[in-house]
């Protein structure tokens, strides 16, 4: 009994120390690109010397300076024949050393805030603050390394870095994107269709930046994998000038110039309004151990716990249309879906409810109370925030975002967001109005995706998502679109809403809608292709 309530495994190994080393083709490419700027080059975190080896051997580079914090790694790098400074890069990068290099090449460490040595972290964050940036507790170590690298080069100098693809899209890198736009004359991002670090799901990009007056022109080059880097030199892709101080996500730069300008104009268009105007989007319930608190209807009946549960959406697959109804709940109650959430107050008299006491005892035997979320509660079994929303919104998206009306009185776990509409807003019409090509395309720009190809929208990003004013949506449209989505006729549903709402009600030109659809499909397919990468 006790062993059934499984918990997530804790991260371990290299994920905590940030030690991912550079494949040889990337090290060679970065060296070739940076060395074109001049003969004096810096590597700010050389590790065991994968890039440094190429820098030392490059005929066009006369002076190589390398810095490494970990003495053992510095010793390995020094065996290549280079002088390696054993130091914290952020202590080493004094004002006198800034703007003195022709180029910087490197693969900065990937260390999350909580795993980062506090003394080194504060030096790095202080550097960011001197540049007008405000780091948060989400800031990863690679971010200040980019700032320091750009400060190290002269005007016209080059910075070539191997970075996580988070550069393009995460919120904690927004200020960095703005900083790069303002302080570079040109930026090229090299992305890969295949994962390039063996055995590691972290997607990477190459940042190739030239120091100069902004705003930068930005272009993207997408290659198959690291063995295909020679094709970079023959690739001619158009560059788009970014707006000054632009901190928006860079995913849009995988589109052509016309599509980028169209998305920018739609975001400014008064015919679409941020979702936050009509509703508040909140995270679902954080139970502390879903395997214990989320139950099937048959488990609830067997244990006699019906009086201590409420309806639940535990997985996005439970909401197949644009409306979650009592009929949907009844149908899922006959399956293995976890459709009930344990809802027990701290002051319950367990002596009067022996079956509940027995279940809680089983949880204690499985160590559920020792989990952090349970441990900090007044009573470990009292799950907070047990309210039923007006609707749901998908948090992790395979193909397209979706709002769902909720008439079953259900709540959701944190795999699905909860939506509470503002006074006078009809949830059904809001859900239908958000099912259109413009909203879909902009979701790919506002959200973020990782190596598995899933798009994720956090509540703050959901609030910014442009949607249609629900008052312009026909009262009769919801049922038809709901039916089409349940039948998985997504294209037919999208065609219907685009025609009835975007074109007929809002006056978008059909060719604009078609271009928005193409932009969405291109970004969606690029993202989805990463789920197939080995």
Protein backbone atom coordinates (compact mmCIF):
# COMPACT_ATOMS: atom_id res chain seq x y z
CA UNK A 1 0.00 0.00 0.00
CA UNK A 2 2.64 2.53 1.05
CA UNK A 3 4.80 2.10 -2.03
CA UNK A 4 2.11 3.17 -4.49
CA UNK A 5 2.43 6.91 -3.82
CA UNK A 6 5.54 7.55 -5.91
CA UNK A 7 7.37 10.89 -5.98
CA UNK A 8 9.52 12.58 -8.62
CA UNK A 9 13.22 11.78 -8.65
CA UNK A 10 15.60 14.58 -7.62
CA UNK A 11 18.09 15.92 -10.18
CA UNK A 12 21.67 14.79 -9.84
CA UNK A 13 25.06 14.65 -11.53
CA UNK A 14 26.07 17.11 -14.25
CA UNK A 15 22.71 18.90 -14.16
CA UNK A 16 23.75 20.45 -10.86
CA UNK A 17 27.29 21.45 -11.74
CA UNK A 18 26.84 22.83 -15.26
CA UNK A 19 29.74 20.90 -16.73
CA UNK A 20 28.78 20.22 -20.34
CA UNK A 21 31.75 20.29 -22.68
CA UNK A 22 31.90 21.42 -26.27
CA UNK A 23 31.80 19.02 -29.24
CA UNK A 24 34.80 19.40 -31.52
CA UNK A 25 32.97 20.74 -34.63
CA UNK A 26 31.41 23.53 -32.57
CA UNK A 27 34.72 24.41 -30.91
CA UNK A 28 36.38 24.68 -34.32
CA UNK A 29 33.55 26.75 -35.80
CA UNK A 30 33.44 29.21 -32.89
CA UNK A 31 37.22 29.66 -33.16
CA UNK A 32 37.05 30.34 -36.90
CA UNK A 33 34.26 32.89 -36.54
CA UNK A 34 35.76 34.79 -33.58
CA UNK A 35 39.31 34.82 -34.93
CA UNK A 36 38.19 36.92 -37.92
CA UNK A 37 37.89 39.88 -35.52
CA UNK A 38 41.57 39.97 -34.57
CA UNK A 39 44.45 38.22 -32.88
CA UNK A 40 43.70 38.85 -29.19
CA UNK A 41 41.07 36.44 -27.86
CA UNK A 42 39.64 35.54 -24.45
CA UNK A 43 37.94 32.39 -23.22
CA UNK A 44 36.12 33.23 -19.96
CA UNK A 45 35.41 29.68 -18.68
CA UNK A 46 37.67 27.29 -20.52
CA UNK A 47 36.79 24.07 -18.67
CA UNK A 48 39.02 21.25 -19.82
CA UNK A 49 40.08 23.16 -22.95
CA UNK A 50 37.84 21.91 -25.75
CA UNK A 51 37.58 25.37 -27.34
CA UNK A 52 40.90 26.59 -26.00
CA UNK A 53 42.75 23.92 -27.93
CA UNK A 54 41.47 25.36 -31.20
CA UNK A 55 42.20 28.93 -30.15
CA UNK A 56 45.80 28.06 -29.34
CA UNK A 57 46.28 26.33 -32.68
CA UNK A 58 44.63 29.07 -34.78
CA UNK A 59 47.26 30.71 -37.02
CA UNK A 60 45.50 34.10 -36.93
CA UNK A 61 45.44 34.33 -33.12
CA UNK A 62 48.59 35.62 -31.41
CA UNK A 63 47.38 36.06 -27.84
CA UNK A 64 44.98 33.76 -26.00
CA UNK A 65 43.85 34.47 -22.46
CA UNK A 66 41.89 31.80 -20.61
CA UNK A 67 40.14 31.90 -17.25
CA UNK A 68 38.85 28.91 -15.27
CA UNK A 69 37.45 28.76 -11.74
CA UNK A 70 38.04 25.05 -11.00
CA UNK A 71 41.78 24.27 -10.52
CA UNK A 72 41.50 20.67 -11.76
CA UNK A 73 39.90 21.81 -15.01
CA UNK A 74 42.40 24.63 -15.37
CA UNK A 75 45.24 22.10 -15.08
CA UNK A 76 43.77 20.03 -17.91
CA UNK A 77 43.41 23.14 -20.06
CA UNK A 78 46.95 24.30 -19.28
CA UNK A 79 48.33 21.00 -20.56
CA UNK A 80 47.33 22.17 -24.04
CA UNK A 81 50.06 24.78 -23.84
CA UNK A 82 48.09 27.87 -22.86
CA UNK A 83 48.38 30.14 -19.84
CA UNK A 84 45.22 29.67 -17.77
CA UNK A 85 44.24 32.09 -15.02
CA UNK A 86 42.73 30.17 -12.09
CA UNK A 87 40.17 32.72 -11.05
CA UNK A 88 36.52 33.64 -10.90
CA UNK A 89 35.83 35.34 -14.24
CA UNK A 90 33.74 38.06 -12.63
CA UNK A 91 36.50 38.95 -10.17
CA UNK A 92 39.08 38.79 -12.96
CA UNK A 93 37.14 41.07 -15.36
CA UNK A 94 38.22 44.39 -13.86
CA UNK A 95 37.35 47.67 -15.63
CA UNK A 96 40.94 47.83 -16.90
CA UNK A 97 40.46 44.53 -18.77
CA UNK A 98 37.17 45.49 -20.38
CA UNK A 99 37.05 46.42 -24.08
CA UNK A 100 40.63 45.12 -24.56
CA UNK A 101 39.96 41.95 -26.58
CA UNK A 102 39.23 41.44 -30.26
CA UNK A 103 37.09 38.43 -29.56
CA UNK A 104 35.63 36.12 -26.92
CA UNK A 105 34.91 32.43 -27.50
CA UNK A 106 33.38 30.09 -24.99
CA UNK A 107 30.80 27.71 -23.60
CA UNK A 108 29.67 29.28 -20.30
CA UNK A 109 28.57 27.02 -17.45
CA UNK A 110 24.87 26.26 -17.06
CA UNK A 111 24.19 26.53 -13.32
CA UNK A 112 20.79 27.27 -11.80
CA UNK A 113 20.55 29.99 -9.18
CA UNK A 114 20.10 27.62 -6.23
CA UNK A 115 23.07 25.43 -7.21
CA UNK A 116 25.42 28.36 -7.81
CA UNK A 117 28.09 29.16 -5.21
CA UNK A 118 26.79 32.33 -3.50
CA UNK A 119 30.12 34.16 -3.50
CA UNK A 120 30.62 33.70 -7.21
CA UNK A 121 26.96 34.37 -7.88
CA UNK A 122 27.00 37.77 -6.19
CA UNK A 123 30.02 38.89 -8.21
CA UNK A 124 28.23 37.90 -11.40
CA UNK A 125 24.93 39.53 -10.45
CA UNK A 126 26.74 42.71 -9.42
CA UNK A 127 28.23 42.90 -12.91
CA UNK A 128 24.74 42.67 -14.40
CA UNK A 129 23.54 45.44 -12.08
CA UNK A 130 26.32 47.75 -13.27
CA UNK A 131 24.77 47.40 -16.74
CA UNK A 132 21.33 48.39 -15.53
CA UNK A 133 19.99 44.84 -15.36
CA UNK A 134 17.96 43.40 -12.51
CA UNK A 135 18.74 39.69 -12.07
CA UNK A 136 16.24 37.47 -10.27
CA UNK A 137 16.36 34.13 -8.49
CA UNK A 138 15.70 32.49 -11.84
CA UNK A 139 18.91 33.85 -13.37
CA UNK A 140 21.24 31.13 -14.61
CA UNK A 141 25.03 31.48 -14.56
CA UNK A 142 25.33 31.66 -18.34
CA UNK A 143 23.48 35.01 -18.47
CA UNK A 144 26.15 37.18 -16.74
CA UNK A 145 28.83 35.32 -18.70
CA UNK A 146 27.27 36.75 -21.87
CA UNK A 147 27.27 40.23 -20.36
CA UNK A 148 30.89 39.90 -19.25
CA UNK A 149 31.96 38.56 -22.64
CA UNK A 150 30.43 41.52 -24.45
CA UNK A 151 32.09 43.94 -22.02
CA UNK A 152 35.46 42.28 -22.66
CA UNK A 153 35.56 43.06 -26.39
CA UNK A 154 36.27 46.35 -28.11
CA UNK A 155 33.82 48.01 -30.48
CA UNK A 156 33.74 45.86 -33.60
CA UNK A 157 34.89 42.83 -31.64
CA UNK A 158 33.19 39.45 -31.86
CA UNK A 159 31.61 37.24 -29.21
CA UNK A 160 30.95 33.60 -30.09
CA UNK A 161 29.29 31.54 -27.36
CA UNK A 162 27.57 28.19 -26.98
CA UNK A 163 24.37 28.89 -25.06
CA UNK A 164 21.16 27.13 -24.09
CA UNK A 165 18.26 27.87 -26.43
CA UNK A 166 16.65 29.52 -23.40
CA UNK A 167 18.39 32.66 -24.67
CA UNK A 168 15.65 32.94 -27.28
CA UNK A 169 12.63 32.67 -25.05
CA UNK A 170 12.85 32.52 -21.25
CA UNK A 171 11.69 35.45 -19.16
CA UNK A 172 14.85 35.66 -17.04
CA UNK A 173 16.85 36.33 -20.22
CA UNK A 174 14.57 39.16 -21.39
CA UNK A 175 16.87 41.88 -20.06
CA UNK A 176 19.84 40.13 -21.68
CA UNK A 177 18.10 40.12 -25.07
CA UNK A 178 17.49 43.84 -24.71
CA UNK A 179 21.11 44.40 -23.67
CA UNK A 180 22.41 42.52 -26.70
CA UNK A 181 20.11 44.39 -29.08
CA UNK A 182 21.26 47.74 -27.69
CA UNK A 183 25.00 46.96 -27.58
CA UNK A 184 25.55 44.95 -30.75
CA UNK A 185 25.52 45.99 -34.39
CA UNK A 186 24.64 42.49 -35.57
CA UNK A 187 23.54 39.22 -34.00
CA UNK A 188 23.37 35.80 -35.63
CA UNK A 189 21.81 32.84 -33.87
CA UNK A 190 22.77 29.39 -35.15
CA UNK A 191 20.25 26.71 -34.19
CA UNK A 192 20.25 22.96 -34.83
CA UNK A 193 17.52 20.56 -35.87
CA UNK A 194 19.22 17.78 -33.93
CA UNK A 195 20.47 17.85 -30.36
CA UNK A 196 24.23 18.35 -30.43
CA UNK A 197 25.29 17.31 -26.92
CA UNK A 198 25.26 13.49 -26.73
CA UNK A 199 22.98 12.17 -24.00
CA UNK A 200 21.81 15.66 -22.95
CA UNK A 201 18.33 16.96 -23.78
CA UNK A 202 19.35 20.61 -23.38
CA UNK A 203 18.95 22.35 -26.72
CA UNK A 204 21.73 24.78 -27.57
CA UNK A 205 22.31 27.64 -29.97
CA UNK A 206 25.41 29.53 -31.01
CA UNK A 207 25.35 33.27 -30.33
CA UNK A 208 27.51 35.18 -32.81
CA UNK A 209 27.46 38.85 -31.80
CA UNK A 210 29.44 41.86 -33.03
CA UNK A 211 29.89 44.69 -30.52
CA UNK A 212 28.67 48.05 -31.81
CA UNK A 213 25.93 50.61 -31.77
CA UNK A 214 22.44 49.14 -31.66
CA UNK A 215 19.78 48.29 -32.33
CA UNK A 216 21.25 45.15 -33.83
CA UNK A 217 20.15 43.46 -36.99
CA UNK A 218 19.28 39.87 -36.14
CA UNK A 219 19.25 36.78 -38.31
CA UNK A 220 18.90 33.08 -37.64
CA UNK A 221 20.56 30.15 -39.36
CA UNK A 222 19.20 26.66 -38.72
CA UNK A 223 21.44 23.69 -39.52
CA UNK A 224 20.91 19.96 -39.22
CA UNK A 225 23.52 19.32 -36.53
CA UNK A 226 27.06 20.20 -35.48
CA UNK A 227 28.58 18.22 -38.35
CA UNK A 228 26.77 20.52 -40.79
CA UNK A 229 28.43 23.76 -39.59
CA UNK A 230 30.42 24.23 -42.79
CA UNK A 231 27.10 25.06 -44.47
CA UNK A 232 26.89 28.21 -42.34
CA UNK A 233 29.41 30.05 -44.49
CA UNK A 234 27.26 29.51 -47.59
CA UNK A 235 23.92 30.32 -45.96
CA UNK A 236 22.34 33.62 -46.91
CA UNK A 237 19.37 34.48 -44.69
CA UNK A 238 17.79 37.88 -44.36
CA UNK A 239 18.41 39.96 -41.25
CA UNK A 240 15.79 42.03 -39.46
CA UNK A 241 16.56 45.11 -37.41
CA UNK A 242 15.25 44.75 -33.87
CA UNK A 243 13.57 47.66 -32.10
CA UNK A 244 15.83 49.44 -29.61
CA UNK A 245 15.50 48.01 -26.08
CA UNK A 246 13.69 44.98 -27.53
CA UNK A 247 13.38 42.27 -24.87
CA UNK A 248 10.79 40.17 -26.68
CA UNK A 249 11.47 36.54 -27.37
CA UNK A 250 13.57 35.79 -30.41
CA UNK A 251 11.60 32.78 -31.65
CA UNK A 252 9.99 35.05 -34.24
CA UNK A 253 13.33 35.47 -36.01
CA UNK A 254 12.95 31.99 -37.48
CA UNK A 255 10.30 33.53 -39.73
CA UNK A 256 10.89 35.64 -42.83
CA UNK A 257 10.85 39.44 -42.67
CA UNK A 258 7.25 39.83 -43.84
CA UNK A 259 5.93 37.36 -41.28
CA UNK A 260 7.85 39.07 -38.47
CA UNK A 261 6.43 42.46 -39.42
CA UNK A 262 2.93 40.96 -39.62
CA UNK A 263 3.18 39.51 -36.12
CA UNK A 264 4.45 42.83 -34.80
CA UNK A 265 1.53 44.66 -36.39
CA UNK A 266 -1.02 42.18 -35.03
CA UNK A 267 0.33 42.61 -31.51
CA UNK A 268 -0.27 46.36 -31.89
CA UNK A 269 -3.69 45.89 -33.54
CA UNK A 270 -6.63 47.13 -31.44
CA UNK A 271 -8.80 44.31 -32.80
CA UNK A 272 -7.03 41.82 -30.55
CA UNK A 273 -6.67 42.37 -26.82
CA UNK A 274 -4.48 40.66 -24.18
CA UNK A 275 -6.26 37.78 -22.49
CA UNK A 276 -5.61 39.46 -19.15
CA UNK A 277 -8.21 42.08 -20.08
CA UNK A 278 -10.94 39.46 -19.83
CA UNK A 279 -9.66 36.88 -17.36
CA UNK A 280 -7.07 36.03 -14.76
CA UNK A 281 -5.00 32.93 -15.41
CA UNK A 282 -3.67 31.07 -12.38
CA UNK A 283 -1.74 27.88 -11.79
CA UNK A 284 -3.64 24.75 -10.89
CA UNK A 285 -3.53 23.06 -7.52
CA UNK A 286 -0.08 22.05 -6.26
CA UNK A 287 -0.79 18.92 -4.23
CA UNK A 288 2.69 17.97 -3.10
CA UNK A 289 2.18 14.36 -4.27
CA UNK A 290 -0.30 13.83 -7.08
CA UNK A 291 -0.14 10.05 -6.75
CA UNK A 292 -1.65 10.38 -3.27
CA UNK A 293 -4.03 13.33 -3.54
CA UNK A 294 -5.40 12.60 -7.04
CA UNK A 295 -7.66 9.55 -7.21
CA UNK A 296 -9.89 7.68 -9.61
CA UNK A 297 -13.62 7.59 -8.90
CA UNK A 298 -13.45 3.85 -8.24
CA UNK A 299 -10.66 4.38 -5.66
CA UNK A 300 -12.74 7.03 -3.94
CA UNK A 301 -15.79 4.77 -3.80
CA UNK A 302 -13.77 1.78 -2.64
CA UNK A 303 -12.21 3.76 0.20
CA UNK A 304 -15.43 5.57 1.11
CA UNK A 305 -13.89 9.02 0.62
CA UNK A 306 -16.53 10.68 -1.58
CA UNK A 307 -17.29 13.32 1.08
CA UNK A 308 -13.64 14.39 1.05
CA UNK A 309 -13.08 14.92 -2.66
CA UNK A 310 -13.98 17.31 -5.48
CA UNK A 311 -14.02 16.88 -9.29
CA UNK A 312 -10.60 17.19 -10.90
CA UNK A 313 -8.84 17.63 -14.21
CA UNK A 314 -5.47 16.02 -13.56
CA UNK A 315 -4.21 15.85 -17.16
CA UNK A 316 -4.77 17.92 -20.28
CA UNK A 317 -5.99 14.81 -22.12
CA UNK A 318 -9.12 14.93 -19.96
CA UNK A 319 -10.30 18.11 -21.70
CA UNK A 320 -10.89 17.13 -25.30
CA UNK A 321 -12.99 20.07 -26.48
CA UNK A 322 -13.74 23.67 -25.55
CA UNK A 323 -16.12 22.73 -22.73
CA UNK A 324 -15.65 20.39 -19.77
CA UNK A 325 -19.10 19.22 -18.70
CA UNK A 326 -20.74 16.95 -16.13
CA UNK A 327 -21.19 14.43 -18.93
CA UNK A 328 -17.43 14.47 -19.58
CA UNK A 329 -16.80 13.91 -15.88
CA UNK A 330 -19.27 11.03 -15.69
CA UNK A 331 -17.72 9.38 -18.73
CA UNK A 332 -14.19 9.65 -17.30
CA UNK A 333 -15.34 8.34 -13.93
CA UNK A 334 -15.64 4.95 -15.60
CA UNK A 335 -11.99 4.98 -16.67
CA UNK A 336 -8.62 5.06 -14.93
CA UNK A 337 -8.50 8.87 -15.12
CA UNK A 338 -7.82 10.62 -11.81
CA UNK A 339 -11.02 12.64 -11.61
CA UNK A 340 -11.13 13.34 -7.86
CA UNK A 341 -8.94 15.49 -5.62
CA UNK A 342 -8.64 14.79 -1.90
CA UNK A 343 -9.94 17.85 -0.02
CA UNK A 344 -9.52 17.52 3.75
CA UNK A 345 -9.46 20.42 6.20
CA UNK A 346 -6.90 20.51 9.00
CA UNK A 347 -9.55 20.37 11.71
CA UNK A 348 -11.28 17.19 10.52
CA UNK A 349 -12.02 14.72 13.35
CA UNK A 350 -10.27 11.58 12.13
CA UNK A 351 -11.83 9.47 14.90
CA UNK A 352 -15.21 10.01 13.26
CA UNK A 353 -13.88 9.05 9.83
CA UNK A 354 -11.84 5.85 10.16
CA UNK A 355 -11.62 5.24 6.41
CA UNK A 356 -10.09 8.67 5.89
CA UNK A 357 -7.75 8.09 8.83
CA UNK A 358 -6.65 4.81 7.25
CA UNK A 359 -5.88 6.51 3.94
CA UNK A 360 -3.91 9.29 5.60
CA UNK A 361 -1.96 6.70 7.56
CA UNK A 362 -1.06 4.97 4.29
CA UNK A 363 0.24 8.32 3.01
CA UNK A 364 2.32 8.78 6.14
CA UNK A 365 3.79 5.32 5.65
CA UNK A 366 4.81 6.32 2.12
CA UNK A 367 6.54 9.49 3.33
CA UNK A 368 4.06 11.91 1.76
CA UNK A 369 4.23 14.35 4.73
CA UNK A 370 8.01 14.68 4.28
CA UNK A 371 7.67 16.32 0.87
CA UNK A 372 8.38 20.05 0.95
CA UNK A 373 4.91 21.22 -0.09
CA UNK A 374 3.26 18.99 2.51
CA UNK A 375 5.82 19.71 5.21
CA UNK A 376 5.17 23.46 5.26
CA UNK A 377 1.39 23.15 5.67
CA UNK A 378 -0.51 23.49 8.93
CA UNK A 379 -1.75 19.95 8.35
CA UNK A 380 0.14 18.03 5.66
CA UNK A 381 -3.06 16.72 4.09
CA UNK A 382 -4.75 20.14 3.72
CA UNK A 383 -4.24 21.06 0.04
CA UNK A 384 -4.54 24.84 -0.48
CA UNK A 385 -6.31 26.81 -3.22
CA UNK A 386 -9.24 24.45 -3.71
CA UNK A 387 -11.43 26.61 -5.93
CA UNK A 388 -13.21 25.65 -9.13
CA UNK A 389 -12.47 28.03 -12.03
CA UNK A 390 -14.70 29.30 -14.82
CA UNK A 391 -12.44 27.57 -17.26
CA UNK A 392 -9.09 25.98 -17.97
CA UNK A 393 -6.15 26.76 -20.23
CA UNK A 394 -3.54 24.32 -21.42
CA UNK A 395 -0.15 24.92 -19.84
CA UNK A 396 1.87 22.52 -22.00
CA UNK A 397 0.88 22.54 -25.65
CA UNK A 398 1.58 20.01 -28.33
CA UNK A 399 -0.11 21.73 -31.28
CA UNK A 400 -2.19 24.76 -30.28
CA UNK A 401 -3.29 26.69 -27.18
CA UNK A 402 -6.80 26.08 -25.89
CA UNK A 403 -9.21 27.69 -23.47
CA UNK A 404 -11.92 25.41 -22.06
CA UNK A 405 -15.14 26.40 -20.29
CA UNK A 406 -15.79 24.50 -17.05
CA UNK A 407 -19.35 23.63 -16.02
CA UNK A 408 -18.47 20.50 -14.03
CA UNK A 409 -17.33 22.31 -10.89
CA UNK A 410 -13.88 20.79 -11.31
CA UNK A 411 -10.52 22.17 -10.33
CA UNK A 412 -7.18 21.18 -11.89
CA UNK A 413 -3.66 20.21 -10.91
CA UNK A 414 -0.79 22.44 -12.00
CA UNK A 415 -0.55 20.62 -15.33
CA UNK A 416 -3.53 22.76 -16.45
CA UNK A 417 -4.04 26.46 -15.67
CA UNK A 418 -7.23 27.74 -14.05
CA UNK A 419 -9.06 30.67 -15.62
CA UNK A 420 -11.34 33.05 -13.75
CA UNK A 421 -13.23 35.46 -16.03
CA UNK A 422 -13.94 39.05 -15.10
CA UNK A 423 -17.43 40.40 -14.55
CA UNK A 424 -19.62 40.22 -17.63
CA UNK A 425 -17.28 37.96 -19.63
CA UNK A 426 -18.73 34.79 -21.16
CA UNK A 427 -16.21 31.93 -20.80
CA UNK A 428 -17.57 29.98 -23.76
CA UNK A 429 -17.28 32.93 -26.13
CA UNK A 430 -13.82 33.71 -24.80
CA UNK A 431 -12.73 30.13 -25.49
CA UNK A 432 -14.03 30.23 -29.06
CA UNK A 433 -12.57 33.66 -29.78
CA UNK A 434 -9.12 32.46 -28.72
CA UNK A 435 -9.26 29.59 -31.23
CA UNK A 436 -7.88 31.51 -34.24
CA UNK A 437 -4.75 31.69 -36.37
CA UNK A 438 -3.55 35.03 -34.98
CA UNK A 439 -3.70 33.87 -31.37
CA UNK A 440 -2.10 30.56 -32.30
CA UNK A 441 0.80 32.25 -34.11
CA UNK A 442 1.46 34.68 -31.27
CA UNK A 443 1.38 31.87 -28.71
CA UNK A 444 4.48 30.43 -30.37
CA UNK A 445 6.24 33.78 -29.89
CA UNK A 446 5.05 34.44 -26.34
CA UNK A 447 5.55 30.93 -24.98
CA UNK A 448 8.68 28.87 -24.59
CA UNK A 449 9.65 25.41 -25.73
CA UNK A 450 12.30 22.94 -24.69
CA UNK A 451 14.08 19.94 -26.19
CA UNK A 452 10.93 17.80 -26.13
CA UNK A 453 9.06 20.04 -28.54
CA UNK A 454 6.31 21.10 -26.12
CA UNK A 455 5.24 24.75 -25.95
CA UNK A 456 4.69 26.04 -22.43
CA UNK A 457 2.73 29.12 -21.42
CA UNK A 458 3.03 30.37 -17.85
CA UNK A 459 0.19 32.48 -16.36
CA UNK A 460 1.98 35.79 -16.99
CA UNK A 461 2.51 34.82 -20.63
CA UNK A 462 -1.11 33.70 -20.95
CA UNK A 463 -2.23 37.13 -19.77
CA UNK A 464 -0.32 38.77 -22.63
CA UNK A 465 -1.70 36.47 -25.33
CA UNK A 466 -3.77 38.53 -27.82
CA UNK A 467 -7.33 37.19 -28.15
CA UNK A 468 -10.64 38.29 -29.61
CA UNK A 469 -13.10 40.35 -27.57
CA UNK A 470 -15.70 37.70 -26.64
CA UNK A 471 -18.57 40.12 -27.25
CA UNK A 472 -17.97 39.91 -31.02
CA UNK A 473 -18.26 36.11 -30.98
CA UNK A 474 -21.62 34.64 -31.95
CA UNK A 475 -23.48 32.88 -29.14
CA UNK A 476 -24.11 29.89 -31.42
CA UNK A 477 -20.48 29.35 -32.49
CA UNK A 478 -19.24 27.61 -29.35
CA UNK A 479 -21.20 24.39 -29.75
CA UNK A 480 -20.08 23.84 -33.36
CA UNK A 481 -16.41 24.57 -32.65
CA UNK A 482 -16.52 22.38 -29.54
CA UNK A 483 -17.87 19.49 -31.63
CA UNK A 484 -15.18 19.90 -34.28
CA UNK A 485 -12.38 20.01 -31.69
CA UNK A 486 -13.74 16.91 -29.93
CA UNK A 487 -13.71 15.14 -33.29
CA UNK A 488 -10.09 16.30 -33.70
CA UNK A 489 -11.05 18.27 -36.80
CA UNK A 490 -8.80 21.09 -35.70
CA UNK A 491 -8.24 22.60 -39.15
CA UNK A 492 -12.01 22.74 -39.78
CA UNK A 493 -12.54 24.41 -36.40
CA UNK A 494 -9.78 26.92 -37.12
CA UNK A 495 -11.16 27.67 -40.59
CA UNK A 496 -14.59 28.32 -39.10
CA UNK A 497 -13.38 30.72 -36.38
CA UNK A 498 -10.98 32.51 -38.72
CA UNK A 499 -13.76 33.12 -41.24
CA UNK A 500 -16.58 34.00 -38.83
CA UNK A 501 -14.56 36.00 -36.31
CA UNK A 502 -11.30 37.32 -37.79
CA UNK A 503 -12.58 38.05 -41.29
CA UNK A 504 -16.32 38.70 -40.94
CA UNK A 505 -16.46 40.27 -37.48
CA UNK A 506 -13.06 41.98 -37.17
CA UNK A 507 -12.26 42.78 -40.78
CA UNK A 508 -8.94 40.98 -41.19
CA UNK A 509 -8.12 40.39 -44.83
CA UNK A 510 -8.15 36.69 -45.85
CA UNK A 511 -4.55 36.94 -47.06
CA UNK A 512 -3.48 38.29 -43.64
CA UNK A 513 -5.18 35.37 -41.90
CA UNK A 514 -3.54 32.93 -44.31
CA UNK A 515 -0.12 34.45 -43.58
CA UNK A 516 -0.73 34.19 -39.83
CA UNK A 517 -1.71 30.55 -40.28
CA UNK A 518 1.52 29.87 -42.19
CA UNK A 519 3.59 31.58 -39.50
CA UNK A 520 1.93 29.49 -36.80
CA UNK A 521 2.44 26.24 -38.72
CA UNK A 522 6.10 27.04 -39.41
CA UNK A 523 6.88 27.79 -35.77
CA UNK A 524 4.78 24.90 -34.51
CA UNK A 525 6.37 22.40 -36.87
CA UNK A 526 9.88 23.61 -36.07
CA UNK A 527 9.15 23.18 -32.38
CA UNK A 528 7.42 19.81 -32.79
CA UNK A 529 10.28 18.42 -34.86
CA UNK A 530 12.51 18.60 -31.79
CA UNK A 531 10.42 15.93 -30.06
CA UNK A 532 11.78 13.44 -32.60
CA UNK A 533 15.43 14.27 -31.93
CA UNK A 534 17.60 11.57 -30.50
